[in-house]
Structures are given as C-alpha cells and as structure tokens.
N, C-alpha and C. Protein backbone atom coordinates (compact mmCIF):
# COMPACT_ATOMS: atom_id res chain seq x y z
N GLN A 1 109.63 77.71 171.04
CA GLN A 1 109.92 78.49 169.70
C GLN A 1 109.95 78.11 168.46
N ILE A 2 109.80 79.00 167.29
CA ILE A 2 110.02 78.20 165.87
C ILE A 2 111.19 79.16 165.44
N ASN A 3 111.91 78.75 164.72
CA ASN A 3 112.84 79.26 163.68
C ASN A 3 112.78 79.20 162.43
N SER A 4 113.57 79.91 161.63
CA SER A 4 113.30 79.69 160.19
C SER A 4 113.86 78.55 159.87
N ALA A 5 115.01 77.95 160.35
CA ALA A 5 115.78 76.90 159.96
C ALA A 5 114.80 75.23 160.28
N ASN A 6 113.51 75.53 160.85
CA ASN A 6 112.96 74.63 161.31
C ASN A 6 111.60 74.55 160.20
N ILE A 7 111.78 75.38 159.34
CA ILE A 7 110.43 75.63 158.37
C ILE A 7 110.88 75.13 157.28
N VAL A 8 109.82 74.02 156.49
CA VAL A 8 110.26 73.33 155.51
C VAL A 8 109.92 74.33 154.27
N ASP A 9 110.82 74.54 153.42
CA ASP A 9 110.22 75.44 152.13
C ASP A 9 109.18 75.13 151.59
N GLY A 10 108.11 75.87 151.45
CA GLY A 10 106.91 75.91 150.42
C GLY A 10 105.84 75.22 151.39
N SER A 11 106.12 75.20 152.84
CA SER A 11 105.16 74.65 153.56
C SER A 11 103.89 75.85 154.34
N ILE A 12 104.72 77.09 153.92
CA ILE A 12 103.56 78.33 154.53
C ILE A 12 102.89 78.76 153.00
N VAL A 13 101.71 78.92 153.21
CA VAL A 13 100.82 79.41 152.52
C VAL A 13 100.20 80.69 152.55
N ASN A 14 99.60 81.47 151.55
CA ASN A 14 99.06 82.59 151.85
C ASN A 14 98.40 82.83 152.81
N ALA A 15 97.53 81.61 153.11
CA ALA A 15 96.54 81.93 154.26
C ALA A 15 97.16 81.86 155.71
N ASP A 16 98.42 81.28 155.64
CA ASP A 16 99.21 81.39 157.08
C ASP A 16 99.74 82.62 157.29
N ILE A 17 99.65 83.87 156.26
CA ILE A 17 100.60 84.96 156.43
C ILE A 17 99.14 86.03 156.99
N ASN A 18 99.56 86.67 158.04
CA ASN A 18 98.86 87.94 158.37
C ASN A 18 98.54 88.96 157.35
N ALA A 19 97.38 89.24 157.08
CA ALA A 19 97.25 90.76 156.28
C ALA A 19 98.01 91.82 156.65
N SER A 20 98.34 91.84 157.57
CA SER A 20 99.10 93.16 158.49
C SER A 20 100.78 92.79 158.20
N ALA A 21 101.26 91.61 157.55
CA ALA A 21 102.58 91.48 157.70
C ALA A 21 103.03 92.33 156.71
N ALA A 22 104.56 93.06 157.08
CA ALA A 22 105.13 93.49 156.32
C ALA A 22 106.65 92.75 155.43
N ILE A 23 106.08 92.72 154.29
CA ILE A 23 107.01 91.80 153.45
C ILE A 23 107.66 92.57 152.84
N ALA A 24 108.95 92.62 152.81
CA ALA A 24 109.81 93.37 151.74
C ALA A 24 109.69 92.92 149.99
N SER A 25 109.53 93.82 149.35
CA SER A 25 109.20 93.36 147.69
C SER A 25 110.35 92.57 147.52
N THR A 26 111.74 92.65 147.99
CA THR A 26 112.79 91.88 147.52
C THR A 26 112.46 90.49 147.92
N LYS A 27 111.88 90.27 148.81
CA LYS A 27 111.21 88.90 149.12
C LYS A 27 110.31 88.11 148.14
N ILE A 28 109.92 89.08 147.37
CA ILE A 28 108.89 88.21 146.24
C ILE A 28 109.65 88.21 145.24
N SER A 29 109.43 86.99 144.76
CA SER A 29 109.59 86.22 143.17
C SER A 29 109.13 87.29 142.13
N GLY A 30 109.70 87.58 140.97
CA GLY A 30 109.04 88.51 139.90
C GLY A 30 109.12 89.57 139.96
N SER A 31 108.69 90.36 139.22
CA SER A 31 108.85 91.98 139.12
C SER A 31 107.13 92.42 139.68
N LEU A 32 107.35 93.41 140.46
CA LEU A 32 106.10 93.88 141.13
C LEU A 32 105.56 95.33 140.11
N GLY A 33 106.46 95.63 139.30
CA GLY A 33 106.45 96.65 138.60
C GLY A 33 106.04 98.22 138.92
N LYS A 34 106.40 99.00 138.34
CA LYS A 34 105.90 100.30 139.12
C LYS A 34 105.48 101.33 137.99
N ILE A 35 104.99 102.50 138.48
CA ILE A 35 105.19 103.85 137.41
C ILE A 35 106.44 104.47 137.75
N VAL A 36 107.01 105.04 136.90
CA VAL A 36 108.18 105.54 136.90
C VAL A 36 107.87 107.25 136.99
N LYS A 37 107.11 107.80 135.76
CA LYS A 37 106.64 108.86 135.69
C LYS A 37 105.80 108.59 134.77
N TYR A 38 105.16 109.98 134.84
CA TYR A 38 103.96 110.61 133.93
C TYR A 38 103.82 112.26 133.72
N VAL A 39 103.41 112.21 132.25
CA VAL A 39 103.56 113.53 131.91
C VAL A 39 101.89 113.52 131.02
N THR A 40 101.27 114.95 131.06
CA THR A 40 100.10 115.19 130.56
C THR A 40 100.06 116.72 129.94
N SER A 41 99.40 116.41 128.99
CA SER A 41 99.13 117.82 128.08
C SER A 41 97.73 117.53 127.45
N GLY A 42 96.97 118.73 127.35
CA GLY A 42 95.98 118.71 126.83
C GLY A 42 95.26 120.58 126.71
N SER A 43 94.22 120.75 125.69
CA SER A 43 94.18 122.27 125.71
C SER A 43 92.25 121.98 125.28
N VAL A 44 91.88 123.45 125.24
CA VAL A 44 90.42 123.49 124.67
C VAL A 44 90.56 124.40 123.31
N THR A 45 91.53 124.65 122.93
CA THR A 45 91.92 125.21 121.56
C THR A 45 91.26 124.82 120.39
N THR A 46 90.40 125.59 119.84
CA THR A 46 89.88 124.67 118.56
C THR A 46 90.59 124.41 117.48
N THR A 47 90.96 123.36 117.23
CA THR A 47 91.83 123.01 116.06
C THR A 47 90.59 122.28 114.85
N LYS A 48 90.79 122.59 113.72
CA LYS A 48 90.26 122.05 112.25
C LYS A 48 91.38 121.61 111.43
N SER A 49 90.67 120.43 110.66
CA SER A 49 91.39 119.83 109.72
C SER A 49 89.84 119.81 108.50
N THR A 50 90.61 120.58 107.38
CA THR A 50 89.91 121.18 106.28
C THR A 50 89.81 120.22 105.17
N SER A 51 91.10 119.55 104.99
CA SER A 51 91.53 119.29 103.29
C SER A 51 91.61 117.55 103.30
N GLY A 52 91.04 117.47 102.30
CA GLY A 52 91.13 115.67 102.11
C GLY A 52 91.45 114.88 103.36
N SER A 53 92.32 113.84 103.55
CA SER A 53 92.59 113.36 104.56
C SER A 53 93.91 113.82 105.24
N THR A 54 93.87 114.87 105.10
CA THR A 54 95.08 115.65 105.79
C THR A 54 95.01 115.65 107.48
N LYS A 55 96.05 114.96 107.94
CA LYS A 55 95.92 114.98 109.77
C LYS A 55 96.13 116.32 110.16
N THR A 56 95.59 116.68 111.39
CA THR A 56 96.04 118.04 111.86
C THR A 56 96.32 117.42 113.41
N ASP A 57 97.62 117.93 113.83
CA ASP A 57 97.60 117.37 115.25
C ASP A 57 97.08 118.77 116.36
N CYS A 58 96.64 117.79 117.24
CA CYS A 58 96.03 118.64 118.51
C CYS A 58 96.89 118.99 119.58
N VAL A 59 97.47 118.05 119.76
CA VAL A 59 98.70 118.09 121.06
C VAL A 59 99.60 117.03 121.04
N ASN A 60 100.55 117.63 121.70
CA ASN A 60 101.86 116.63 121.58
C ASN A 60 102.30 116.50 122.90
N GLN A 61 103.43 115.49 123.25
CA GLN A 61 103.83 115.49 124.48
C GLN A 61 104.96 114.34 124.28
N THR A 62 106.39 114.82 124.90
CA THR A 62 107.43 114.13 125.22
C THR A 62 107.35 113.49 126.50
N ILE A 63 108.22 112.40 126.00
CA ILE A 63 108.41 111.50 127.23
C ILE A 63 109.80 110.71 127.02
N THR A 64 110.70 110.75 127.95
CA THR A 64 112.12 109.83 127.87
C THR A 64 111.74 108.83 129.08
N PRO A 65 112.04 107.59 128.30
CA PRO A 65 111.88 106.33 129.34
C PRO A 65 113.12 106.08 130.14
N ALA A 66 113.15 105.90 131.32
CA ALA A 66 114.55 105.70 132.29
C ALA A 66 115.23 104.54 131.76
N SER A 67 114.60 103.44 130.79
CA SER A 67 115.19 102.53 130.35
C SER A 67 114.41 101.86 128.74
N SER A 68 115.25 101.11 128.34
CA SER A 68 114.79 100.54 127.00
C SER A 68 113.98 99.47 127.20
N ASN A 69 113.54 99.27 128.28
CA ASN A 69 112.68 97.77 128.51
C ASN A 69 111.56 98.05 129.17
N ASN A 70 111.22 99.40 129.48
CA ASN A 70 109.92 100.20 129.95
C ASN A 70 109.00 100.37 128.76
N LYS A 71 107.79 100.49 129.08
CA LYS A 71 106.67 100.68 128.38
C LYS A 71 106.01 101.90 128.65
N ILE A 72 105.24 102.49 127.52
CA ILE A 72 104.38 103.71 128.04
C ILE A 72 103.08 103.42 127.62
N LEU A 73 102.34 104.01 128.90
CA LEU A 73 100.83 103.70 128.95
C LEU A 73 100.27 104.90 128.24
N VAL A 74 99.57 104.81 127.32
CA VAL A 74 98.99 106.13 126.39
C VAL A 74 97.70 106.42 126.69
N LEU A 75 97.49 107.41 126.97
CA LEU A 75 96.19 107.58 127.38
C LEU A 75 95.69 108.81 126.89
N ALA A 76 94.43 108.78 125.86
CA ALA A 76 94.20 109.88 125.10
C ALA A 76 92.67 110.30 124.89
N SER A 77 92.20 111.22 124.89
CA SER A 77 90.59 111.51 124.60
C SER A 77 90.53 112.68 123.77
N CYS A 78 89.22 112.57 122.73
CA CYS A 78 89.35 114.10 122.20
C CYS A 78 87.58 114.15 121.63
N ASN A 79 86.98 114.90 121.60
CA ASN A 79 85.46 115.13 121.30
C ASN A 79 85.84 115.86 119.78
N VAL A 80 85.16 115.18 118.68
CA VAL A 80 85.67 116.02 117.40
C VAL A 80 84.13 116.46 116.96
N TYR A 81 83.82 117.64 116.28
CA TYR A 81 82.92 117.82 115.90
C TYR A 81 82.91 117.60 114.24
N ILE A 82 81.84 117.21 113.63
CA ILE A 82 81.93 116.72 112.16
C ILE A 82 81.21 117.48 111.64
N TYR A 83 81.56 118.35 110.63
CA TYR A 83 80.51 119.21 109.85
C TYR A 83 80.62 118.68 108.36
N VAL A 84 79.21 118.38 107.70
CA VAL A 84 78.92 117.17 107.08
C VAL A 84 78.33 118.08 105.78
N SER A 85 77.88 117.16 104.84
CA SER A 85 77.04 117.36 103.83
C SER A 85 76.21 115.98 103.86
N SER A 86 76.98 114.90 104.17
CA SER A 86 76.50 113.35 104.13
C SER A 86 77.54 112.81 104.94
N ASN A 87 77.02 111.22 104.99
CA ASN A 87 77.89 110.29 105.72
C ASN A 87 79.49 110.88 106.20
N ALA A 88 78.93 111.18 107.56
CA ALA A 88 80.12 112.14 108.27
C ALA A 88 80.96 111.08 109.04
N PHE A 89 82.35 111.23 108.78
CA PHE A 89 83.37 110.51 109.59
C PHE A 89 84.56 111.18 109.75
N SER A 90 85.09 110.72 110.93
CA SER A 90 86.19 111.33 111.24
C SER A 90 87.29 110.61 111.75
N GLY A 91 88.96 110.85 111.87
CA GLY A 91 89.74 109.78 112.74
C GLY A 91 90.49 110.67 113.79
N PHE A 92 90.87 109.63 114.29
CA PHE A 92 91.53 110.15 115.81
C PHE A 92 92.49 109.39 116.00
N ASP A 93 93.96 109.57 115.53
CA ASP A 93 95.43 109.17 115.35
C ASP A 93 96.25 109.46 116.61
N ILE A 94 97.15 108.43 117.12
CA ILE A 94 98.16 108.55 117.65
C ILE A 94 99.52 108.27 117.21
N TYR A 95 100.46 109.22 116.97
CA TYR A 95 101.62 108.72 116.42
C TYR A 95 102.68 109.10 117.47
N ARG A 96 103.74 108.08 117.24
CA ARG A 96 104.90 108.00 118.39
C ARG A 96 105.67 108.93 116.95
N GLY A 97 105.97 110.16 117.32
CA GLY A 97 106.76 111.14 116.70
C GLY A 97 105.52 112.17 116.21
N ASP A 98 105.78 113.00 115.09
CA ASP A 98 105.11 113.77 114.68
C ASP A 98 104.10 113.29 113.10
N ILE A 99 103.33 114.02 113.05
CA ILE A 99 102.18 113.34 111.94
C ILE A 99 102.82 113.17 110.58
N SER A 100 103.74 114.25 110.06
CA SER A 100 104.39 113.91 108.81
C SER A 100 105.63 112.85 108.73
N SER A 101 106.26 112.23 109.92
CA SER A 101 107.25 111.50 109.84
C SER A 101 107.62 110.60 111.00
N GLY A 102 106.51 110.32 111.63
CA GLY A 102 106.08 109.39 112.62
C GLY A 102 105.44 108.33 112.08
N THR A 103 105.54 107.29 113.46
CA THR A 103 104.65 105.99 113.44
C THR A 103 103.69 105.96 113.76
N ALA A 104 102.06 105.94 113.10
CA ALA A 104 101.15 105.83 113.54
C ALA A 104 100.93 104.48 114.48
N VAL A 105 100.66 104.59 115.82
CA VAL A 105 100.41 103.73 116.80
C VAL A 105 98.78 103.33 117.15
N PHE A 106 98.16 104.32 116.69
CA PHE A 106 96.66 103.70 117.28
C PHE A 106 96.02 104.99 116.36
N THR A 107 94.83 103.91 115.88
CA THR A 107 93.85 104.66 114.84
C THR A 107 92.46 104.21 115.21
N GLN A 108 91.66 105.34 115.20
CA GLN A 108 90.43 104.91 115.40
C GLN A 108 89.54 105.95 114.37
N TYR A 109 88.34 105.23 113.82
CA TYR A 109 87.33 106.27 112.92
C TYR A 109 86.08 106.13 113.66
N GLY A 110 85.45 107.28 113.44
CA GLY A 110 83.90 107.43 114.21
C GLY A 110 83.15 108.34 112.92
N GLY A 111 82.09 107.85 113.39
CA GLY A 111 80.99 108.99 112.40
C GLY A 111 79.74 107.70 112.00
N GLY A 112 79.05 108.44 110.94
CA GLY A 112 78.09 107.40 110.56
C GLY A 112 77.35 108.03 109.45
N ALA A 113 76.18 106.96 108.91
CA ALA A 113 75.75 107.45 107.80
C ALA A 113 74.37 108.62 108.07
N HIS A 114 74.70 109.95 108.43
CA HIS A 114 73.70 110.97 108.59
C HIS A 114 74.08 112.44 108.05
N ASN A 115 73.39 113.35 107.70
CA ASN A 115 73.59 114.49 107.32
C ASN A 115 73.48 115.98 108.05
N THR A 116 73.48 114.98 109.43
CA THR A 116 73.59 116.35 110.20
C THR A 116 75.11 116.40 111.06
N ASN A 117 75.43 117.88 111.29
CA ASN A 117 76.73 117.68 112.19
C ASN A 117 76.60 117.36 113.59
N ARG A 118 77.63 116.63 114.03
CA ARG A 118 77.51 116.04 115.50
C ARG A 118 78.64 115.77 116.01
N TYR A 119 78.95 115.47 117.22
CA TYR A 119 80.15 115.18 117.96
C TYR A 119 80.46 113.75 117.94
N SER A 120 81.31 113.46 117.71
CA SER A 120 81.99 111.98 117.72
C SER A 120 83.41 112.08 119.19
N ALA A 121 82.73 111.25 120.19
CA ALA A 121 83.77 111.09 120.87
C ALA A 121 84.79 109.71 120.78
N PHE A 122 86.17 110.05 121.05
CA PHE A 122 87.43 109.34 121.16
C PHE A 122 87.74 109.18 122.20
N ALA A 123 88.55 108.06 122.38
CA ALA A 123 89.27 107.64 123.56
C ALA A 123 89.91 106.72 123.51
N CYS A 124 91.12 106.55 123.97
CA CYS A 124 91.96 105.31 123.71
C CYS A 124 93.12 104.98 124.93
N ASN A 125 93.45 103.84 125.20
CA ASN A 125 94.55 103.62 126.17
C ASN A 125 95.12 102.06 125.78
N PHE A 126 96.54 102.27 125.58
CA PHE A 126 96.97 101.16 125.16
C PHE A 126 98.46 101.21 125.92
N ILE A 127 99.27 100.19 125.30
CA ILE A 127 100.59 100.35 125.93
C ILE A 127 101.44 100.07 124.73
N ASP A 128 102.45 101.16 124.82
CA ASP A 128 103.65 101.48 123.37
C ASP A 128 104.86 100.75 124.12
N SER A 129 105.42 100.10 123.19
CA SER A 129 106.93 99.54 123.65
C SER A 129 107.71 100.27 122.59
N PRO A 130 108.33 101.33 122.92
CA PRO A 130 109.52 102.34 122.19
C PRO A 130 110.72 101.66 122.02
N ASN A 131 110.90 100.84 122.88
CA ASN A 131 112.45 99.93 122.96
C ASN A 131 113.55 101.23 122.86
N THR A 132 113.52 102.43 123.72
CA THR A 132 114.44 103.04 123.71
C THR A 132 114.61 103.88 125.10
N ASP A 133 115.76 104.01 125.40
CA ASP A 133 115.43 105.21 126.26
C ASP A 133 115.85 106.59 125.98
N GLN A 134 115.51 107.07 124.67
CA GLN A 134 116.07 108.29 124.14
C GLN A 134 114.37 108.75 124.31
N ALA A 135 114.73 110.11 123.88
CA ALA A 135 113.10 110.99 124.04
C ALA A 135 112.01 110.62 123.22
N GLN A 136 110.80 110.48 123.79
CA GLN A 136 109.72 110.21 122.40
C GLN A 136 108.46 110.86 122.46
N LEU A 137 108.21 111.47 121.40
CA LEU A 137 107.37 112.57 121.20
C LEU A 137 106.50 111.45 120.38
N TYR A 138 104.97 111.85 121.30
CA TYR A 138 103.51 111.53 120.72
C TYR A 138 102.52 112.60 120.37
N THR A 139 101.88 112.33 119.54
CA THR A 139 101.10 113.19 118.77
C THR A 139 99.90 112.54 118.66
N LEU A 140 98.74 113.42 119.26
CA LEU A 140 97.10 113.15 119.10
C LEU A 140 96.82 113.93 117.87
N ALA A 141 96.11 113.22 116.88
CA ALA A 141 95.99 113.91 115.59
C ALA A 141 93.99 113.75 115.08
N ILE A 142 94.01 114.56 114.65
CA ILE A 142 92.29 114.42 114.01
C ILE A 142 92.19 114.72 112.45
N SER A 143 91.44 114.09 111.59
CA SER A 143 91.37 114.09 110.36
C SER A 143 89.89 113.72 109.75
N ARG A 144 89.78 114.46 108.82
CA ARG A 144 88.43 114.13 107.89
C ARG A 144 88.37 112.84 107.80
N SER A 145 87.49 111.69 107.22
CA SER A 145 87.77 110.41 106.98
C SER A 145 86.44 110.29 105.85
N SER A 146 86.12 110.87 105.36
CA SER A 146 85.23 110.64 104.33
C SER A 146 84.99 112.13 103.10
N GLY A 147 84.78 111.97 102.14
CA GLY A 147 84.69 112.92 100.95
C GLY A 147 83.51 113.83 101.54
N ASN A 148 82.47 113.53 101.90
CA ASN A 148 81.53 114.19 102.20
C ASN A 148 81.49 115.03 103.56
N THR A 149 82.47 114.68 104.54
CA THR A 149 82.77 115.69 105.78
C THR A 149 83.41 116.85 104.94
N ASN A 150 82.82 118.10 105.60
CA ASN A 150 83.56 119.09 105.03
C ASN A 150 84.58 119.72 105.85
N TYR A 151 84.56 119.35 107.17
CA TYR A 151 85.82 119.70 108.24
C TYR A 151 85.38 118.99 109.38
N VAL A 152 86.34 118.90 110.14
CA VAL A 152 86.06 118.43 111.43
C VAL A 152 87.32 119.32 112.48
N SER A 153 86.96 119.44 113.74
CA SER A 153 87.25 120.27 114.73
C SER A 153 87.00 120.04 116.03
N THR A 154 87.60 120.32 117.02
CA THR A 154 87.70 119.68 118.46
C THR A 154 86.74 121.08 119.07
N ASP A 155 86.18 122.22 118.24
CA ASP A 155 85.28 123.07 118.67
C ASP A 155 85.27 123.69 119.86
N GLY A 156 86.48 123.64 120.70
CA GLY A 156 86.30 124.14 121.73
C GLY A 156 86.51 123.20 122.64
N GLN A 157 86.37 121.94 122.47
CA GLN A 157 86.22 120.63 123.51
C GLN A 157 87.34 120.54 124.02
N ALA A 158 87.51 119.76 124.98
CA ALA A 158 88.86 119.52 125.67
C ALA A 158 89.43 118.05 125.15
N TYR A 159 90.60 118.07 125.00
CA TYR A 159 91.44 117.08 124.44
C TYR A 159 92.54 116.77 125.34
N THR A 160 93.03 115.53 125.35
CA THR A 160 93.73 115.16 126.55
C THR A 160 95.12 114.04 125.89
N LEU A 161 96.39 114.17 126.14
CA LEU A 161 97.48 113.17 126.04
C LEU A 161 98.19 112.93 127.45
N THR A 162 97.75 111.56 127.86
CA THR A 162 98.64 111.49 129.07
C THR A 162 99.67 110.37 128.38
N LEU A 163 100.85 110.27 128.94
CA LEU A 163 102.07 109.16 128.97
C LEU A 163 102.60 109.02 130.30
N ILE A 164 102.57 107.63 130.43
CA ILE A 164 102.42 106.89 131.92
C ILE A 164 104.16 105.95 131.48
N GLU A 165 105.04 106.26 131.93
CA GLU A 165 106.11 105.43 131.96
C GLU A 165 105.80 103.75 133.04
N LEU A 166 106.03 102.88 132.40
CA LEU A 166 105.82 101.82 133.35
C LEU A 166 107.26 100.96 133.35
N GLU A 167 107.61 100.50 134.68
CA GLU A 167 108.62 99.68 134.51
C GLU A 167 108.32 98.14 134.87
N PRO A 168 108.40 97.42 133.77
CA PRO A 168 107.90 96.04 134.10
C PRO A 168 108.57 95.26 135.21
C-alpha cells in the first residue's frame, strides 16, 4: 500500500491522474476564475440619430462588481440602418457611464462609399476593468459618422447589451 508520505513531490504528472478523479479546486495552485453574475438588456424599439455626430443611446445596463479586482466582459450587438445621400457611415459605441459624461470604452465605425440605404451590423466583446466595487452603468450608442449620412436608425432590429462579471 502507498501513502502520501512515500510520494516524492513533483513525481505525479497529469498522465498519472485518472480523468474521473475528483480533485478539489483548493488543491490547484493559481486561480480558476469564475462568472460572478450577469445582466442583459435589449430591445427592438426603433432609435434614430439625426443630427451631426450626436450619439443616441439605444440601451443601458448597470452592474455592481462584487470586488474592485473583478473584470466586466461586455457583449453587445446592433444592426444599424444607414439612410444616405452618399458615403454612408455610422458609429457604434459602448460607454462606461452615459453618453454625455461617461467614458467611451469601445468604438467601431461601419459603412462604405455607396449611395444606397443599407444595414451595417456591429458587434463587440471585450473585457473592461472598472477597478471599483461600485455600480457601473454601460451604454450602447449609435451615431452618424459622415456628413453625407442623413440619419441612422435601429429600424426595429434587435440590439443587446450583456455584462458578465468575472472573478480572476
């Protein structure tokens, strides 16, 4: 019979461990990380941005991290219909905070040199580090991104914002 006192440290390798072995996570060095919580919001309500490069918020969501060390995985998607005269471009932004006083943490532009109305699909996923355990508001916004774009609209298409708190 073998007992743990007779096993030399470092002599057991992965190949020696049965795949069905139940090893407690406390016995593993380093962090396994985990999902702490998630919140999601979305809509199909038509939202329109009509003037200059003004940003229009589509949806916002709040999450309160359990720890200031935790990260927020941000997932967002939106189809934007671009109404043009020529050279149609639109923007897709994620703010930590609201669009008037928050910080842009993600920006993407889409469109092209064409003179027909069309959809532009936007999506993002990124990890944000708010470095706080206080409530954090995130906002998905759209905007016109060229002077030749008459306006942009969600045109009744679905848009979503999902926040997932990750413990490192």
